[in-house]
């Protein structure tokens, strides 16, 4: 039976989601009303794929965290379900923070999340405590375990922090459940801990898989571990990153470790480390494995910096990226939109061998809900010093993607996209131009843009607040570029 707090959230959803529905993105998931951030519990359950998310239904700003809930069969069409969790127990009264989900052998759906509690110390000061908690359910309704919290301060390794101990990602191997949990270690920076359990209630600490040692930011959040193409991959979101060239930017970063997991020592051995994403709005990614063996990732397509800018009339803030298929190539994790998105393409407009000199606009190449593919190349003897793709454009607004082949860089820029209080409006990152050619894929969905480069070696996301009427797309070149263009509208109805 739902608690009063959870039932209030569900009643609010039922009343307010219909009022906001016509303003939502077409093929990106939101909460339907209110605020969302981190994806949680992204996992298969009884033939469908469920995704929960950090959620405050009552306002378009962060508040006491609930778990929102949605499910899908193809990663494009999502069905919003009633909220799954509310902060209604003493151990999670300050919020139900991020976590994971898994189907148990008996068919129950187990959610594992971080409960946040405020404790008053003897000197009168308040201190936050984070513990790991579980709830069991049927895909709609969930009951928190009377054993909660199931992992707490006493289960931490020496020097671990009960204040920064969160974001369990869980999975099953046979009869054993594993939980990967982020913690702040003795040196003040992030550690990734591993626990195991047979029933989800009694957990044993296995070891510390990886330590930050103040190398990649400070506190690590939202870790995930999986095997892919013969490698083990560990990803996490890192707070307080230092910028390093064009690979890592200052602030909240997303880091990908490719290597191998030593299961005897329970340690992760790095072979290559790189940024998971290069855009302005991407955080806390989580993955699952599909029935056909693909590894699919989804992330929060927002940033804490940009979340301060809101459009009051939208009724929601925050959305998820398009789910992305992952693979390992040359020691890097590549990502491209799920192939199912192509089932929703319509109204194709295709051009081949367009010579771009100066500004070029093509008939039929426009829109704010499109899948746009470009192949940009230089002919021998015809140099292209700079190529610019402009989109979401009208007389007063424009967003751009700029290619600099000689430099080997791409720049994503939303300076004129409608953010009047934007802190970070531009991001530059490395990209290869083999034989002077590059392939781009740009997904636009009303208030967002996602760029994929080459075979997915780089991805970059950002949200936009440009008026939807600004739907112009054009190309510019300094020198000469030869371009193939394919544009498809995306429609779910």
Foldseek 3Di string as FASTA:
>chain_A
DDDPQLVVQQVLQVPQLVVQVVLDWFFFDFLSFAEWFWWAAQEDAPQKTKIWTFGDRPHNDDAATFIWIWIGNFLGDIDGARTAGGQDDQQQVSHFAHEHWEQAPVRKIKTKTKGWHWDQDPVRDIAIFIAIWMWIHNRHYTDTDPLPPLGGPVQDPPQWDRRAKTYWYWYDDVQKIKTWIWTAGNVQFIWIWMWMDRPVRHIHTQGTADTCNCPAAGGWHQWDWDDAPRKIKIKTKHAQGPDDPQFFHGGIFIKMFIHHADNVNRYGDGDDMTGPAFADFWHNKDWYADPVGWIKIKTKRGDPQRSVDDDRVNRYDITMDRIWTWHDDPNAIFTDHRPSQVVQWDDKDKDFFDKAAFKFFDPPPWAQAKKKKKKKFDDVPWDWQKKKKWWLADPQFIWIWMDGQVVQKIKTFGPRQPRPNHPDGMGMHGHHQVNRIKMWIWGGTQFKIWIAIHRRRHIYIHTGPRPRVSIGIMMGTHIIMTMIMMMTGGHDD
